[in-house]
Amino acid sequence: MTKQLIECVPNISEGRDINKINEIANIVETVDGVRLLDVDPGAATNRTVITFVGEPEPVIEAAFRLIKKASELIDMSQHSGEHPRFGATDVCPLVPISGISIDETAKYAHKLGERIGEELGIPGFFYENAAKQEVRKNLANCRPVSYTHLTLPTIYSV
């Protein structure tokens, strides 16, 4: 049987404070079997794209820890940047890499989102192939017209 591998590419709403960025990104390596591939901060957007890979269960555990840490360290009421954003973790796409279908990967996105909602109280929207409603397939339909720091969802895609 082929080993299943997925990639996770969360975008956090911090691109300027390297200490916060590193603390959030490095949390993924506390999960056995997950490899941190890239951390790409952007000062103008005040956003960092983090990329890691592994088998599905360890990856969603690492994503959960990352989202939890981001929610603890990033104060969205003080956030500014050129990119639209939802919350401390804006998007958290899961990408099938090897031995797993896009539909199977979507089930892991749902599992992650449900856990985040239950344990962290952070709402989320599923989009693209993980969308539970046709209107949510397009990310633009998930974002509010105007941002408020009182609504801090994370959005998941496959």
Foldseek 3Di string as FASTA:
>chain_A
DKAWKKKKKWKFQAQDDVVLQCVLQCLLVVQPFKDWDDWAGDPQQRMIITMMMGGLVSVLVSVLSSVVSLQVPDQPVPGDHDDDAQARTGEMEMGTDPDDDQLRRLVSQVVSQVCCCVPVVAHEAEEQPNHPDPQRPDVVSVGDPDYDHVHHHYYYYD
